[in-house]
Amino acid sequence: MRTINYESKIKELSIQKQINDYIDNRKSFVFDAIAGSGKTYSLVESIYHIIGSQGEKLETMKQKILVITYTNAAKDEIINRTGYSDLLYIGTIH
């Protein structure tokens, strides 16, 4: 498990808030970053945000969150972090 200093944690939380705001306002965005920078972490946090804010509505409408990754390793990591949920379909283009 990695440790993060206070300033970096504040920046990380700010970026995640921006991402959540885009999601809540149904705006498109691109999250482009180098390997090991936290893209998967942010994606998982975004999934938690969507389930927390829209999970009941998704269940009622019989909808799912579609998560497509580039690699099987990323797919497996997301499944590992989120666990099993009927609200998620996690696949890969690899």
N, C-alpha and C. Protein backbone atom coordinates (compact mmCIF):
# COMPACT_ATOMS: atom_id res chain seq x y z
N MET A 1 0.84 -1.17 0.00
CA MET A 1 0.00 0.00 0.00
C MET A 1 0.89 1.24 0.00
N ARG A 2 0.57 2.20 -0.82
CA ARG A 2 1.38 3.41 -0.91
C ARG A 2 0.94 4.42 0.13
N THR A 3 1.88 5.24 0.54
CA THR A 3 1.55 6.35 1.43
C THR A 3 1.58 7.63 0.62
N ILE A 4 0.84 8.61 1.06
CA ILE A 4 0.73 9.86 0.32
C ILE A 4 0.82 11.02 1.31
N ASN A 5 1.57 12.04 0.92
CA ASN A 5 1.70 13.18 1.83
C ASN A 5 0.43 14.03 1.80
N TYR A 6 0.31 14.89 2.78
CA TYR A 6 -0.91 15.68 2.97
C TYR A 6 -1.26 16.51 1.74
N GLU A 7 -0.27 17.21 1.18
CA GLU A 7 -0.53 18.08 0.02
C GLU A 7 -1.02 17.27 -1.17
N SER A 8 -0.39 16.12 -1.39
CA SER A 8 -0.81 15.27 -2.50
C SER A 8 -2.22 14.72 -2.27
N LYS A 9 -2.53 14.38 -1.03
CA LYS A 9 -3.87 13.88 -0.71
C LYS A 9 -4.94 14.94 -0.98
N ILE A 10 -4.66 16.18 -0.60
CA ILE A 10 -5.60 17.28 -0.86
C ILE A 10 -5.80 17.46 -2.37
N LYS A 11 -4.71 17.40 -3.13
CA LYS A 11 -4.80 17.53 -4.59
C LYS A 11 -5.60 16.36 -5.17
N GLU A 12 -5.34 15.16 -4.68
CA GLU A 12 -6.06 13.98 -5.14
C GLU A 12 -7.56 14.10 -4.89
N LEU A 13 -7.92 14.55 -3.69
CA LEU A 13 -9.34 14.73 -3.35
C LEU A 13 -9.99 15.80 -4.22
N SER A 14 -9.25 16.85 -4.54
CA SER A 14 -9.76 17.92 -5.40
C SER A 14 -10.02 17.40 -6.81
N ILE A 15 -9.10 16.61 -7.32
CA ILE A 15 -9.28 16.04 -8.66
C ILE A 15 -10.47 15.09 -8.67
N GLN A 16 -10.60 14.25 -7.64
CA GLN A 16 -11.74 13.33 -7.59
C GLN A 16 -13.05 14.09 -7.50
N LYS A 17 -13.08 15.20 -6.78
CA LYS A 17 -14.28 16.02 -6.71
C LYS A 17 -14.64 16.56 -8.09
N GLN A 18 -13.64 17.00 -8.85
CA GLN A 18 -13.88 17.48 -10.21
C GLN A 18 -14.47 16.37 -11.07
N ILE A 19 -13.90 15.17 -10.95
CA ILE A 19 -14.41 14.03 -11.71
C ILE A 19 -15.87 13.76 -11.32
N ASN A 20 -16.14 13.72 -10.03
CA ASN A 20 -17.52 13.47 -9.56
C ASN A 20 -18.48 14.54 -10.06
N ASP A 21 -18.03 15.79 -10.10
CA ASP A 21 -18.87 16.88 -10.62
C ASP A 21 -19.18 16.66 -12.10
N TYR A 22 -18.18 16.24 -12.86
CA TYR A 22 -18.43 15.93 -14.28
C TYR A 22 -19.45 14.80 -14.40
N ILE A 23 -19.29 13.78 -13.60
CA ILE A 23 -20.23 12.66 -13.63
C ILE A 23 -21.64 13.12 -13.28
N ASP A 24 -21.76 13.88 -12.19
CA ASP A 24 -23.07 14.35 -11.74
C ASP A 24 -23.75 15.24 -12.77
N ASN A 25 -22.95 15.99 -13.52
CA ASN A 25 -23.49 16.90 -14.53
C ASN A 25 -23.50 16.29 -15.92
N ARG A 26 -23.22 14.99 -15.97
CA ARG A 26 -23.23 14.23 -17.23
C ARG A 26 -22.38 14.88 -18.31
N LYS A 27 -21.19 15.31 -17.90
CA LYS A 27 -20.24 15.91 -18.84
C LYS A 27 -19.14 14.90 -19.16
N SER A 28 -18.71 14.90 -20.39
CA SER A 28 -17.63 14.02 -20.81
C SER A 28 -16.29 14.60 -20.37
N PHE A 29 -15.34 13.71 -20.15
CA PHE A 29 -14.00 14.13 -19.80
C PHE A 29 -13.03 13.01 -20.14
N VAL A 30 -11.77 13.37 -20.25
CA VAL A 30 -10.70 12.40 -20.49
C VAL A 30 -9.75 12.47 -19.32
N PHE A 31 -9.41 11.31 -18.81
CA PHE A 31 -8.46 11.22 -17.70
C PHE A 31 -7.23 10.54 -18.26
N ASP A 32 -6.22 11.33 -18.57
CA ASP A 32 -5.01 10.83 -19.22
C ASP A 32 -3.83 11.05 -18.28
N ALA A 33 -3.17 9.98 -17.90
CA ALA A 33 -2.06 10.10 -16.96
C ALA A 33 -1.10 8.93 -17.15
N ILE A 34 0.09 9.08 -16.62
CA ILE A 34 1.11 8.04 -16.75
C ILE A 34 0.79 6.83 -15.88
N ALA A 35 1.45 5.72 -16.17
CA ALA A 35 1.28 4.49 -15.39
C ALA A 35 1.61 4.76 -13.92
N GLY A 36 0.79 4.21 -13.05
CA GLY A 36 1.04 4.33 -11.62
C GLY A 36 0.58 5.63 -11.00
N SER A 37 -0.13 6.43 -11.76
CA SER A 37 -0.54 7.75 -11.26
C SER A 37 -1.88 7.74 -10.54
N GLY A 38 -2.60 6.63 -10.59
CA GLY A 38 -3.86 6.55 -9.86
C GLY A 38 -5.11 6.52 -10.72
N LYS A 39 -4.97 6.21 -12.00
CA LYS A 39 -6.15 6.17 -12.87
C LYS A 39 -7.16 5.12 -12.41
N THR A 40 -6.67 3.93 -12.08
CA THR A 40 -7.57 2.87 -11.63
C THR A 40 -8.22 3.26 -10.31
N TYR A 41 -7.45 3.85 -9.42
CA TYR A 41 -7.99 4.31 -8.14
C TYR A 41 -9.13 5.30 -8.39
N SER A 42 -8.91 6.28 -9.27
CA SER A 42 -9.94 7.28 -9.57
C SER A 42 -11.15 6.65 -10.22
N LEU A 43 -10.93 5.67 -11.09
CA LEU A 43 -12.04 4.99 -11.73
C LEU A 43 -12.89 4.26 -10.69
N VAL A 44 -12.24 3.56 -9.77
CA VAL A 44 -12.97 2.84 -8.72
C VAL A 44 -13.72 3.81 -7.83
N GLU A 45 -13.09 4.92 -7.46
CA GLU A 45 -13.77 5.94 -6.65
C GLU A 45 -14.97 6.50 -7.40
N SER A 46 -14.85 6.65 -8.71
CA SER A 46 -15.97 7.14 -9.53
C SER A 46 -17.10 6.13 -9.56
N ILE A 47 -16.76 4.86 -9.64
CA ILE A 47 -17.78 3.80 -9.60
C ILE A 47 -18.52 3.85 -8.27
N TYR A 48 -17.77 3.97 -7.17
CA TYR A 48 -18.41 4.09 -5.85
C TYR A 48 -19.33 5.30 -5.80
N HIS A 49 -18.89 6.41 -6.38
CA HIS A 49 -19.71 7.63 -6.39
C HIS A 49 -21.02 7.41 -7.16
N ILE A 50 -20.92 6.80 -8.32
CA ILE A 50 -22.12 6.55 -9.13
C ILE A 50 -23.07 5.61 -8.41
N ILE A 51 -22.54 4.54 -7.84
CA ILE A 51 -23.40 3.60 -7.11
C ILE A 51 -24.05 4.29 -5.91
N GLY A 52 -23.27 5.12 -5.20
CA GLY A 52 -23.81 5.82 -4.04
C GLY A 52 -24.88 6.82 -4.39
N SER A 53 -24.72 7.50 -5.51
CA SER A 53 -25.67 8.56 -5.86
C SER A 53 -26.78 8.09 -6.79
N GLN A 54 -26.53 7.04 -7.58
CA GLN A 54 -27.51 6.62 -8.58
C GLN A 54 -27.85 5.13 -8.53
N GLY A 55 -27.30 4.41 -7.55
CA GLY A 55 -27.47 2.97 -7.50
C GLY A 55 -28.91 2.50 -7.49
N GLU A 56 -29.73 3.13 -6.66
CA GLU A 56 -31.15 2.71 -6.58
C GLU A 56 -31.86 2.97 -7.91
N LYS A 57 -31.58 4.11 -8.51
CA LYS A 57 -32.20 4.44 -9.80
C LYS A 57 -31.76 3.44 -10.87
N LEU A 58 -30.47 3.09 -10.87
CA LEU A 58 -29.97 2.12 -11.84
C LEU A 58 -30.66 0.77 -11.66
N GLU A 59 -30.81 0.34 -10.42
CA GLU A 59 -31.50 -0.93 -10.14
C GLU A 59 -32.94 -0.89 -10.62
N THR A 60 -33.63 0.20 -10.32
CA THR A 60 -35.03 0.35 -10.72
C THR A 60 -35.18 0.32 -12.24
N MET A 61 -34.25 0.99 -12.93
CA MET A 61 -34.31 1.07 -14.39
C MET A 61 -33.66 -0.14 -15.07
N LYS A 62 -33.15 -1.08 -14.23
CA LYS A 62 -32.47 -2.27 -14.73
C LYS A 62 -31.30 -1.90 -15.64
N GLN A 63 -30.53 -0.93 -15.18
CA GLN A 63 -29.35 -0.48 -15.92
C GLN A 63 -28.09 -0.88 -15.17
N LYS A 64 -26.97 -0.86 -15.89
CA LYS A 64 -25.69 -1.21 -15.31
C LYS A 64 -24.67 -0.13 -15.65
N ILE A 65 -23.60 -0.13 -14.90
CA ILE A 65 -22.45 0.71 -15.19
C ILE A 65 -21.51 -0.15 -16.03
N LEU A 66 -21.19 0.31 -17.20
CA LEU A 66 -20.28 -0.40 -18.10
C LEU A 66 -18.89 0.17 -17.91
N VAL A 67 -17.95 -0.70 -17.56
CA VAL A 67 -16.56 -0.31 -17.37
C VAL A 67 -15.73 -1.11 -18.37
N ILE A 68 -15.07 -0.41 -19.29
CA ILE A 68 -14.23 -1.07 -20.28
C ILE A 68 -12.80 -0.61 -20.08
N THR A 69 -11.91 -1.58 -19.94
CA THR A 69 -10.49 -1.27 -19.75
C THR A 69 -9.70 -1.77 -20.95
N TYR A 70 -8.45 -1.38 -20.99
CA TYR A 70 -7.58 -1.82 -22.08
C TYR A 70 -6.93 -3.17 -21.80
N THR A 71 -6.78 -3.55 -20.56
CA THR A 71 -6.06 -4.79 -20.24
C THR A 71 -6.84 -5.67 -19.28
N ASN A 72 -6.57 -6.95 -19.35
CA ASN A 72 -7.17 -7.89 -18.40
C ASN A 72 -6.69 -7.61 -16.99
N ALA A 73 -5.43 -7.17 -16.85
CA ALA A 73 -4.91 -6.85 -15.52
C ALA A 73 -5.71 -5.72 -14.88
N ALA A 74 -6.02 -4.68 -15.64
CA ALA A 74 -6.82 -3.56 -15.12
C ALA A 74 -8.23 -4.03 -14.78
N LYS A 75 -8.80 -4.85 -15.65
CA LYS A 75 -10.15 -5.39 -15.38
C LYS A 75 -10.15 -6.18 -14.08
N ASP A 76 -9.18 -7.06 -13.92
CA ASP A 76 -9.10 -7.87 -12.71
C ASP A 76 -8.90 -7.01 -11.47
N GLU A 77 -8.11 -5.97 -11.59
CA GLU A 77 -7.86 -5.07 -10.45
C GLU A 77 -9.15 -4.33 -10.06
N ILE A 78 -9.91 -3.90 -11.03
CA ILE A 78 -11.17 -3.19 -10.75
C ILE A 78 -12.16 -4.14 -10.08
N ILE A 79 -12.25 -5.36 -10.58
CA ILE A 79 -13.13 -6.36 -9.97
C ILE A 79 -12.68 -6.63 -8.54
N ASN A 80 -11.38 -6.75 -8.35
CA ASN A 80 -10.82 -6.98 -7.02
C ASN A 80 -11.19 -5.86 -6.05
N ARG A 81 -11.12 -4.63 -6.52
CA ARG A 81 -11.37 -3.48 -5.64
C ARG A 81 -12.86 -3.22 -5.40
N THR A 82 -13.70 -3.53 -6.37
CA THR A 82 -15.12 -3.22 -6.24
C THR A 82 -15.93 -4.41 -5.73
N GLY A 83 -15.41 -5.59 -5.88
CA GLY A 83 -16.19 -6.78 -5.53
C GLY A 83 -17.25 -7.03 -6.59
N TYR A 84 -18.10 -7.98 -6.32
CA TYR A 84 -19.15 -8.32 -7.26
C TYR A 84 -20.37 -7.44 -7.04
N SER A 85 -20.92 -6.92 -8.11
CA SER A 85 -22.14 -6.13 -8.03
C SER A 85 -22.96 -6.35 -9.30
N ASP A 86 -24.25 -6.53 -9.12
CA ASP A 86 -25.14 -6.65 -10.28
C ASP A 86 -25.21 -5.35 -11.07
N LEU A 87 -24.75 -4.26 -10.47
CA LEU A 87 -24.79 -2.96 -11.15
C LEU A 87 -23.61 -2.75 -12.09
N LEU A 88 -22.63 -3.64 -12.05
CA LEU A 88 -21.42 -3.45 -12.84
C LEU A 88 -21.26 -4.51 -13.91
N TYR A 89 -20.83 -4.07 -15.08
CA TYR A 89 -20.31 -4.99 -16.09
C TYR A 89 -18.92 -4.48 -16.41
N ILE A 90 -17.91 -5.28 -16.10
CA ILE A 90 -16.53 -4.87 -16.31
C ILE A 90 -15.93 -5.77 -17.36
N GLY A 91 -15.48 -5.16 -18.45
CA GLY A 91 -14.89 -5.93 -19.55
C GLY A 91 -13.64 -5.27 -20.06
N THR A 92 -13.09 -5.86 -21.09
CA THR A 92 -11.84 -5.35 -21.66
C THR A 92 -11.90 -5.41 -23.17
N ILE A 93 -11.10 -4.57 -23.81
CA ILE A 93 -10.97 -4.62 -25.27
C ILE A 93 -9.73 -5.41 -25.65
N HIS A 94 -9.02 -5.93 -24.66
CA HIS A 94 -7.78 -6.68 -24.90
C HIS A 94 -8.09 -8.08 -25.34
